[in-house]
Amino acid sequence: MPFSTNENIFKANKIKLFPNPANDYVNIELFSKANISFIEIINLQGRIVKSQRVANNQNTVDVRDLSKGVYLIRMQTGEGVVMKKFIKQ
């Protein structure tokens, strides 16, 4: 599910990723009533390396299959899109 170029930007300070750096899982804490519906993980070359629909406002993302490095996680919410950086150890 690609995101449009006209997407609303959801304020990044309304979402916290932890632990960061991460080993196996990234937890998402949302400081808003909006639900996350879709997640993409993007490497620094701009490639989408993982994408998933989120059911029941799931707050954990399995990153065990990712190589060590820096990634962006892009989250689609009811209020817009937010991108956050995290490190996979």
PDB file of N, CA and C in Angstrom:
ATOM      1  N   MET A   1       0.849  -1.173   0.000  1.00  0.00           N
ATOM      2  CA  MET A   1       0.000   0.000   0.000  1.00  0.00           C
ATOM      3  C   MET A   1       0.891   1.231   0.000  1.00  0.00           C
ATOM      4  N   PRO A   2       1.123   1.840  -1.108  1.00  0.00           N
ATOM      5  CA  PRO A   2       1.961   3.041  -1.150  1.00  0.00           C
ATOM      6  C   PRO A   2       1.237   4.232  -0.532  1.00  0.00           C
ATOM      7  N   PHE A   3       2.018   5.118   0.024  1.00  0.00           N
ATOM      8  CA  PHE A   3       1.470   6.338   0.603  1.00  0.00           C
ATOM      9  C   PHE A   3       1.462   7.423  -0.463  1.00  0.00           C
ATOM     10  N   SER A   4       0.481   8.286  -0.426  1.00  0.00           N
ATOM     11  CA  SER A   4       0.378   9.336  -1.439  1.00  0.00           C
ATOM     12  C   SER A   4       1.319  10.490  -1.120  1.00  0.00           C
ATOM     13  N   THR A   5       1.549  11.329  -2.097  1.00  0.00           N
ATOM     14  CA  THR A   5       2.390  12.505  -1.881  1.00  0.00           C
ATOM     15  C   THR A   5       1.630  13.605  -1.172  1.00  0.00           C
ATOM     16  N   ASN A   6       0.321  13.486  -1.084  1.00  0.00           N
ATOM     17  CA  ASN A   6      -0.501  14.492  -0.416  1.00  0.00           C
ATOM     18  C   ASN A   6      -0.887  14.076   0.997  1.00  0.00           C
ATOM     19  N   GLU A   7      -0.133  13.175   1.588  1.00  0.00           N
ATOM     20  CA  GLU A   7      -0.495  12.659   2.901  1.00  0.00           C
ATOM     21  C   GLU A   7      -0.337  13.721   3.985  1.00  0.00           C
ATOM     22  N   ASN A   8      -1.195  13.663   4.987  1.00  0.00           N
ATOM     23  CA  ASN A   8      -1.086  14.542   6.143  1.00  0.00           C
ATOM     24  C   ASN A   8       0.043  14.044   7.026  1.00  0.00           C
ATOM     25  N   ILE A   9       0.827  14.961   7.542  1.00  0.00           N
ATOM     26  CA  ILE A   9       1.939  14.584   8.402  1.00  0.00           C
ATOM     27  C   ILE A   9       1.461  14.617   9.846  1.00  0.00           C
ATOM     28  N   PHE A  10       1.546  13.484  10.492  1.00  0.00           N
ATOM     29  CA  PHE A  10       1.165  13.326  11.890  1.00  0.00           C
ATOM     30  C   PHE A  10       2.374  13.719  12.726  1.00  0.00           C
ATOM     31  N   LYS A  11       2.190  14.457  13.794  1.00  0.00           N
ATOM     32  CA  LYS A  11       3.316  14.965  14.580  1.00  0.00           C
ATOM     33  C   LYS A  11       4.121  13.822  15.194  1.00  0.00           C
ATOM     34  N   ALA A  12       5.428  13.827  14.915  1.00  0.00           N
ATOM     35  CA  ALA A  12       6.308  12.752  15.363  1.00  0.00           C
ATOM     36  C   ALA A  12       6.377  12.652  16.876  1.00  0.00           C
ATOM     37  N   ASN A  13       6.155  13.753  17.589  1.00  0.00           N
ATOM     38  CA  ASN A  13       6.244  13.690  19.043  1.00  0.00           C
ATOM     39  C   ASN A  13       5.040  12.987  19.661  1.00  0.00           C
ATOM     40  N   LYS A  14       4.078  12.574  18.845  1.00  0.00           N
ATOM     41  CA  LYS A  14       2.932  11.824  19.354  1.00  0.00           C
ATOM     42  C   LYS A  14       3.189  10.320  19.343  1.00  0.00           C
ATOM     43  N   ILE A  15       4.365   9.904  18.865  1.00  0.00           N
ATOM     44  CA  ILE A  15       4.714   8.485  18.805  1.00  0.00           C
ATOM     45  C   ILE A  15       6.123   8.290  19.354  1.00  0.00           C
ATOM     46  N   LYS A  16       6.281   7.250  20.173  1.00  0.00           N
ATOM     47  CA  LYS A  16       7.591   6.901  20.726  1.00  0.00           C
ATOM     48  C   LYS A  16       7.910   5.464  20.325  1.00  0.00           C
ATOM     49  N   LEU A  17       9.140   5.228  19.844  1.00  0.00           N
ATOM     50  CA  LEU A  17       9.627   3.885  19.536  1.00  0.00           C
ATOM     51  C   LEU A  17      10.624   3.482  20.610  1.00  0.00           C
ATOM     52  N   PHE A  18      10.501   2.264  21.116  1.00  0.00           N
ATOM     53  CA  PHE A  18      11.461   1.770  22.106  1.00  0.00           C
ATOM     54  C   PHE A  18      11.485   0.249  22.063  1.00  0.00           C
ATOM     55  N   PRO A  19      12.578  -0.406  22.437  1.00  0.00           N
ATOM     56  CA  PRO A  19      13.869   0.227  22.709  1.00  0.00           C
ATOM     57  C   PRO A  19      14.491   0.712  21.408  1.00  0.00           C
ATOM     58  N   ASN A  20      15.338   1.658  21.527  1.00  0.00           N
ATOM     59  CA  ASN A  20      16.045   2.192  20.366  1.00  0.00           C
ATOM     60  C   ASN A  20      17.456   2.533  20.807  1.00  0.00           C
ATOM     61  N   PRO A  21      18.413   1.697  20.441  1.00  0.00           N
ATOM     62  CA  PRO A  21      18.448   0.630  19.447  1.00  0.00           C
ATOM     63  C   PRO A  21      17.641  -0.604  19.882  1.00  0.00           C
ATOM     64  N   ALA A  22      17.198  -1.368  18.865  1.00  0.00           N
ATOM     65  CA  ALA A  22      16.374  -2.557  19.081  1.00  0.00           C
ATOM     66  C   ALA A  22      17.115  -3.804  18.620  1.00  0.00           C
ATOM     67  N   ASN A  23      16.794  -4.921  19.248  1.00  0.00           N
ATOM     68  CA  ASN A  23      17.356  -6.207  18.835  1.00  0.00           C
ATOM     69  C   ASN A  23      16.324  -7.067  18.113  1.00  0.00           C
ATOM     70  N   ASP A  24      15.230  -7.362  18.790  1.00  0.00           N
ATOM     71  CA  ASP A  24      14.231  -8.283  18.252  1.00  0.00           C
ATOM     72  C   ASP A  24      12.910  -7.613  17.889  1.00  0.00           C
ATOM     73  N   TYR A  25      12.497  -6.667  18.718  1.00  0.00           N
ATOM     74  CA  TYR A  25      11.194  -6.027  18.542  1.00  0.00           C
ATOM     75  C   TYR A  25      11.302  -4.531  18.774  1.00  0.00           C
ATOM     76  N   VAL A  26      10.453  -3.773  18.094  1.00  0.00           N
ATOM     77  CA  VAL A  26      10.295  -2.345  18.349  1.00  0.00           C
ATOM     78  C   VAL A  26       8.874  -2.157  18.872  1.00  0.00           C
ATOM     79  N   ASN A  27       8.762  -1.522  20.017  1.00  0.00           N
ATOM     80  CA  ASN A  27       7.460  -1.205  20.589  1.00  0.00           C
ATOM     81  C   ASN A  27       7.078   0.206  20.179  1.00  0.00           C
ATOM     82  N   ILE A  28       5.803   0.407  19.930  1.00  0.00           N
ATOM     83  CA  ILE A  28       5.296   1.711  19.518  1.00  0.00           C
ATOM     84  C   ILE A  28       4.333   2.201  20.585  1.00  0.00           C
ATOM     85  N   GLU A  29       4.630   3.376  21.122  1.00  0.00           N
ATOM     86  CA  GLU A  29       3.729   3.999  22.084  1.00  0.00           C
ATOM     87  C   GLU A  29       3.112   5.214  21.411  1.00  0.00           C
ATOM     88  N   LEU A  30       1.808   5.265  21.391  1.00  0.00           N
ATOM     89  CA  LEU A  30       1.071   6.305  20.687  1.00  0.00           C
ATOM     90  C   LEU A  30       0.402   7.220  21.697  1.00  0.00           C
ATOM     91  N   PHE A  31       0.737   8.510  21.655  1.00  0.00           N
ATOM     92  CA  PHE A  31       0.166   9.510  22.559  1.00  0.00           C
ATOM     93  C   PHE A  31      -0.970  10.251  21.863  1.00  0.00           C
ATOM     94  N   SER A  32      -1.918   9.488  21.354  1.00  0.00           N
ATOM     95  CA  SER A  32      -3.039  10.042  20.603  1.00  0.00           C
ATOM     96  C   SER A  32      -4.121   8.976  20.547  1.00  0.00           C
ATOM     97  N   LYS A  33      -5.319   9.372  20.211  1.00  0.00           N
ATOM     98  CA  LYS A  33      -6.406   8.408  20.061  1.00  0.00           C
ATOM     99  C   LYS A  33      -6.401   7.757  18.684  1.00  0.00           C
ATOM    100  N   ALA A  34      -5.537   8.214  17.796  1.00  0.00           N
ATOM    101  CA  ALA A  34      -5.456   7.648  16.448  1.00  0.00           C
ATOM    102  C   ALA A  34      -4.883   6.237  16.510  1.00  0.00           C
ATOM    103  N   ASN A  35      -5.347   5.376  15.637  1.00  0.00           N
ATOM    104  CA  ASN A  35      -4.822   4.024  15.537  1.00  0.00           C
ATOM    105  C   ASN A  35      -3.860   3.927  14.366  1.00  0.00           C
ATOM    106  N   ILE A  36      -2.837   3.102  14.517  1.00  0.00           N
ATOM    107  CA  ILE A  36      -1.916   2.827  13.421  1.00  0.00           C
ATOM    108  C   ILE A  36      -2.550   1.727  12.575  1.00  0.00           C
ATOM    109  N   SER A  37      -2.610   1.946  11.259  1.00  0.00           N
ATOM    110  CA  SER A  37      -3.239   0.959  10.385  1.00  0.00           C
ATOM    111  C   SER A  37      -2.250   0.248   9.466  1.00  0.00           C
ATOM    112  N   PHE A  38      -1.113   0.879   9.194  1.00  0.00           N
ATOM    113  CA  PHE A  38      -0.150   0.310   8.250  1.00  0.00           C
ATOM    114  C   PHE A  38       1.246   0.784   8.612  1.00  0.00           C
ATOM    115  N   ILE A  39       2.221  -0.119   8.492  1.00  0.00           N
ATOM    116  CA  ILE A  39       3.614   0.196   8.828  1.00  0.00           C
ATOM    117  C   ILE A  39       4.511  -0.227   7.674  1.00  0.00           C
ATOM    118  N   GLU A  40       5.475   0.624   7.352  1.00  0.00           N
ATOM    119  CA  GLU A  40       6.544   0.272   6.416  1.00  0.00           C
ATOM    120  C   GLU A  40       7.875   0.540   7.103  1.00  0.00           C
ATOM    121  N   ILE A  41       8.820  -0.368   6.908  1.00  0.00           N
ATOM    122  CA  ILE A  41      10.183  -0.145   7.379  1.00  0.00           C
ATOM    123  C   ILE A  41      11.044   0.056   6.145  1.00  0.00           C
ATOM    124  N   ILE A  42      11.800   1.149   6.150  1.00  0.00           N
ATOM    125  CA  ILE A  42      12.565   1.584   4.984  1.00  0.00           C
ATOM    126  C   ILE A  42      14.036   1.659   5.361  1.00  0.00           C
ATOM    127  N   ASN A  43      14.910   1.074   4.517  1.00  0.00           N
ATOM    128  CA  ASN A  43      16.344   1.183   4.794  1.00  0.00           C
ATOM    129  C   ASN A  43      16.863   2.527   4.285  1.00  0.00           C
ATOM    130  N   LEU A  44      18.126   2.801   4.544  1.00  0.00           N
ATOM    131  CA  LEU A  44      18.673   4.110   4.170  1.00  0.00           C
ATOM    132  C   LEU A  44      18.900   4.267   2.673  1.00  0.00           C
ATOM    133  N   GLN A  45      18.735   3.188   1.910  1.00  0.00           N
ATOM    134  CA  GLN A  45      18.787   3.284   0.454  1.00  0.00           C
ATOM    135  C   GLN A  45      17.404   3.607  -0.112  1.00  0.00           C
ATOM    136  N   GLY A  46      16.405   3.731   0.768  1.00  0.00           N
ATOM    137  CA  GLY A  46      15.061   4.079   0.339  1.00  0.00           C
ATOM    138  C   GLY A  46      14.190   2.901  -0.037  1.00  0.00           C
ATOM    139  N   ARG A  47      14.675   1.675   0.187  1.00  0.00           N
ATOM    140  CA  ARG A  47      13.902   0.481  -0.146  1.00  0.00           C
ATOM    141  C   ARG A  47      13.002   0.080   1.015  1.00  0.00           C
ATOM    142  N   ILE A  48      11.791  -0.298   0.704  1.00  0.00           N
ATOM    143  CA  ILE A  48      10.888  -0.830   1.723  1.00  0.00           C
ATOM    144  C   ILE A  48      11.305  -2.271   1.978  1.00  0.00           C
ATOM    145  N   VAL A  49      11.741  -2.558   3.198  1.00  0.00           N
ATOM    146  CA  VAL A  49      12.220  -3.894   3.532  1.00  0.00           C
ATOM    147  C   VAL A  49      11.179  -4.704   4.297  1.00  0.00           C
ATOM    148  N   LYS A  50      10.160  -4.035   4.785  1.00  0.00           N
ATOM    149  CA  LYS A  50       9.092  -4.732   5.497  1.00  0.00           C
ATOM    150  C   LYS A  50       7.860  -3.846   5.469  1.00  0.00           C
ATOM    151  N   SER A  51       6.718  -4.459   5.259  1.00  0.00           N
ATOM    152  CA  SER A  51       5.464  -3.715   5.346  1.00  0.00           C
ATOM    153  C   SER A  51       4.419  -4.642   5.939  1.00  0.00           C
ATOM    154  N   GLN A  52       3.533  -4.066   6.710  1.00  0.00           N
ATOM    155  CA  GLN A  52       2.488  -4.883   7.316  1.00  0.00           C
ATOM    156  C   GLN A  52       1.287  -4.034   7.687  1.00  0.00           C
ATOM    157  N   ARG A  53       0.138  -4.644   7.562  1.00  0.00           N
ATOM    158  CA  ARG A  53      -1.084  -4.045   8.085  1.00  0.00           C
ATOM    159  C   ARG A  53      -1.081  -4.286   9.583  1.00  0.00           C
ATOM    160  N   VAL A  54      -1.660  -3.368  10.310  1.00  0.00           N
ATOM    161  CA  VAL A  54      -1.700  -3.487  11.763  1.00  0.00           C
ATOM    162  C   VAL A  54      -3.137  -3.773  12.175  1.00  0.00           C
ATOM    163  N   ALA A  55      -3.315  -4.872  12.882  1.00  0.00           N
ATOM    164  CA  ALA A  55      -4.643  -5.242  13.368  1.00  0.00           C
ATOM    165  C   ALA A  55      -4.733  -4.960  14.861  1.00  0.00           C
ATOM    166  N   ASN A  56      -5.875  -4.493  15.292  1.00  0.00           N
ATOM    167  CA  ASN A  56      -6.131  -4.259  16.721  1.00  0.00           C
ATOM    168  C   ASN A  56      -5.110  -3.332  17.361  1.00  0.00           C
ATOM    169  N   ASN A  57      -4.638  -2.351  16.599  1.00  0.00           N
ATOM    170  CA  ASN A  57      -3.664  -1.369  17.093  1.00  0.00           C
ATOM    171  C   ASN A  57      -2.452  -2.044  17.739  1.00  0.00           C
ATOM    172  N   GLN A  58      -1.930  -3.059  17.057  1.00  0.00           N
ATOM    173  CA  GLN A  58      -0.753  -3.799  17.520  1.00  0.00           C
ATOM    174  C   GLN A  58       0.375  -2.823  17.795  1.00  0.00           C
ATOM    175  N   ASN A  59       1.043  -2.981  18.914  1.00  0.00           N
ATOM    176  CA  ASN A  59       2.065  -2.022  19.312  1.00  0.00           C
ATOM    177  C   ASN A  59       3.477  -2.577  19.274  1.00  0.00           C
ATOM    178  N   THR A  60       3.676  -3.743  18.675  1.00  0.00           N
ATOM    179  CA  THR A  60       4.999  -4.346  18.603  1.00  0.00           C
ATOM    180  C   THR A  60       5.283  -4.773  17.168  1.00  0.00           C
ATOM    181  N   VAL A  61       6.500  -4.471  16.694  1.00  0.00           N
ATOM    182  CA  VAL A  61       6.917  -4.860  15.349  1.00  0.00           C
ATOM    183  C   VAL A  61       8.130  -5.769  15.475  1.00  0.00           C
ATOM    184  N   ASP A  62       8.073  -6.935  14.857  1.00  0.00           N
ATOM    185  CA  ASP A  62       9.165  -7.904  14.868  1.00  0.00           C
ATOM    186  C   ASP A  62      10.229  -7.446  13.867  1.00  0.00           C
ATOM    187  N   VAL A  63      11.445  -7.183  14.353  1.00  0.00           N
ATOM    188  CA  VAL A  63      12.536  -6.744  13.471  1.00  0.00           C
ATOM    189  C   VAL A  63      13.690  -7.744  13.470  1.00  0.00           C
ATOM    190  N   ARG A  64      13.440  -8.971  13.950  1.00  0.00           N
ATOM    191  CA  ARG A  64      14.506  -9.982  14.015  1.00  0.00           C
ATOM    192  C   ARG A  64      15.078 -10.304  12.646  1.00  0.00           C
ATOM    193  N   ASP A  65      14.268 -10.182  11.594  1.00  0.00           N
ATOM    194  CA  ASP A  65      14.722 -10.538  10.250  1.00  0.00           C
ATOM    195  C   ASP A  65      15.500  -9.425   9.551  1.00  0.00           C
ATOM    196  N   LEU A  66      15.648  -8.276  10.186  1.00  0.00           N
ATOM    197  CA  LEU A  66      16.383  -7.158   9.579  1.00  0.00           C
ATOM    198  C   LEU A  66      17.869  -7.247   9.902  1.00  0.00           C
ATOM    199  N   SER A  67      18.700  -6.805   8.967  1.00  0.00           N
ATOM    200  CA  SER A  67      20.141  -6.705   9.211  1.00  0.00           C
ATOM    201  C   SER A  67      20.412  -5.534  10.137  1.00  0.00           C
ATOM    202  N   LYS A  68      21.565  -5.548  10.778  1.00  0.00           N
ATOM    203  CA  LYS A  68      21.950  -4.425  11.633  1.00  0.00           C
ATOM    204  C   LYS A  68      22.038  -3.164  10.793  1.00  0.00           C
ATOM    205  N   GLY A  69      21.605  -2.045  11.373  1.00  0.00           N
ATOM    206  CA  GLY A  69      21.682  -0.786  10.652  1.00  0.00           C
ATOM    207  C   GLY A  69      20.629   0.206  11.108  1.00  0.00           C
ATOM    208  N   VAL A  70      20.537   1.299  10.365  1.00  0.00           N
ATOM    209  CA  VAL A  70      19.590   2.374  10.663  1.00  0.00           C
ATOM    210  C   VAL A  70      18.416   2.253   9.692  1.00  0.00           C
ATOM    211  N   TYR A  71      17.212   2.400  10.222  1.00  0.00           N
ATOM    212  CA  TYR A  71      15.992   2.278   9.433  1.00  0.00           C
ATOM    213  C   TYR A  71      15.032   3.407   9.773  1.00  0.00           C
ATOM    214  N   LEU A  72      14.108   3.639   8.862  1.00  0.00           N
ATOM    215  CA  LEU A  72      12.975   4.523   9.121  1.00  0.00           C
ATOM    216  C   LEU A  72      11.737   3.649   9.211  1.00  0.00           C
ATOM    217  N   ILE A  73      10.875   3.955  10.161  1.00  0.00           N
ATOM    218  CA  ILE A  73       9.592   3.272  10.238  1.00  0.00           C
ATOM    219  C   ILE A  73       8.522   4.308   9.927  1.00  0.00           C
ATOM    220  N   ARG A  74       7.707   3.980   8.952  1.00  0.00           N
ATOM    221  CA  ARG A  74       6.664   4.898   8.482  1.00  0.00           C
ATOM    222  C   ARG A  74       5.317   4.310   8.886  1.00  0.00           C
ATOM    223  N   MET A  75       4.551   5.092   9.636  1.00  0.00           N
ATOM    224  CA  MET A  75       3.298   4.599  10.192  1.00  0.00           C
ATOM    225  C   MET A  75       2.129   5.432   9.688  1.00  0.00           C
ATOM    226  N   GLN A  76       1.126   4.758   9.157  1.00  0.00           N
ATOM    227  CA  GLN A  76      -0.105   5.409   8.720  1.00  0.00           C
ATOM    228  C   GLN A  76      -1.089   5.358   9.878  1.00  0.00           C
ATOM    229  N   THR A  77      -1.586   6.521  10.293  1.00  0.00           N
ATOM    230  CA  THR A  77      -2.576   6.592  11.365  1.00  0.00           C
ATOM    231  C   THR A  77      -3.837   7.252  10.828  1.00  0.00           C
ATOM    232  N   GLY A  78      -4.853   7.276  11.648  1.00  0.00           N
ATOM    233  CA  GLY A  78      -6.082   7.957  11.267  1.00  0.00           C
ATOM    234  C   GLY A  78      -5.901   9.459  11.139  1.00  0.00           C
ATOM    235  N   GLU A  79      -4.818   9.987  11.724  1.00  0.00           N
ATOM    236  CA  GLU A  79      -4.553  11.426  11.689  1.00  0.00           C
ATOM    237  C   GLU A  79      -3.498  11.815  10.662  1.00  0.00           C
ATOM    238  N   GLY A  80      -2.879  10.838  10.016  1.00  0.00           N
ATOM    239  CA  GLY A  80      -1.852  11.138   9.024  1.00  0.00           C
ATOM    240  C   GLY A  80      -0.718  10.131   9.084  1.00  0.00           C
ATOM    241  N   VAL A  81       0.443  10.536   8.606  1.00  0.00           N
ATOM    242  CA  VAL A  81       1.618   9.675   8.509  1.00  0.00           C
ATOM    243  C   VAL A  81       2.726  10.236   9.378  1.00  0.00           C
ATOM    244  N   VAL A  82       3.467   9.346  10.027  1.00  0.00           N
ATOM    245  CA  VAL A  82       4.632   9.773  10.796  1.00  0.00           C
ATOM    246  C   VAL A  82       5.792   8.844  10.460  1.00  0.00           C
ATOM    247  N   MET A  83       6.999   9.422  10.421  1.00  0.00           N
ATOM    248  CA  MET A  83       8.213   8.635  10.211  1.00  0.00           C
ATOM    249  C   MET A  83       9.125   8.843  11.400  1.00  0.00           C
ATOM    250  N   LYS A  84       9.698   7.739  11.872  1.00  0.00           N
ATOM    251  CA  LYS A  84      10.652   7.790  12.977  1.00  0.00           C
ATOM    252  C   LYS A  84      11.849   6.927  12.598  1.00  0.00           C
ATOM    253  N   LYS A  85      13.005   7.286  13.127  1.00  0.00           N
ATOM    254  CA  LYS A  85      14.235   6.540  12.873  1.00  0.00           C
ATOM    255  C   LYS A  85      14.478   5.582  14.029  1.00  0.00           C
ATOM    256  N   PHE A  86      14.991   4.382  13.705  1.00  0.00           N
ATOM    257  CA  PHE A  86      15.440   3.476  14.754  1.00  0.00           C
ATOM    258  C   PHE A  86      16.661   2.710  14.272  1.00  0.00           C
ATOM    259  N   ILE A  87      17.380   2.160  15.224  1.00  0.00           N
ATOM    260  CA  ILE A  87      18.598   1.404  14.943  1.00  0.00           C
ATOM    261  C   ILE A  87      18.348  -0.052  15.299  1.00  0.00           C
ATOM    262  N   LYS A  88      18.706  -0.955  14.382  1.00  0.00           N
ATOM    263  CA  LYS A  88      18.631  -2.392  14.624  1.00  0.00           C
ATOM    264  C   LYS A  88      20.028  -2.862  14.974  1.00  0.00           C
ATOM    265  N   GLN A  89      20.180  -3.460  16.152  1.00  0.00           N
ATOM    266  CA  GLN A  89      21.499  -3.973  16.573  1.00  0.00           C
ATOM    267  C   GLN A  89      21.668  -5.409  16.157  1.00  0.00           C
TER     268      GLN A  89
END
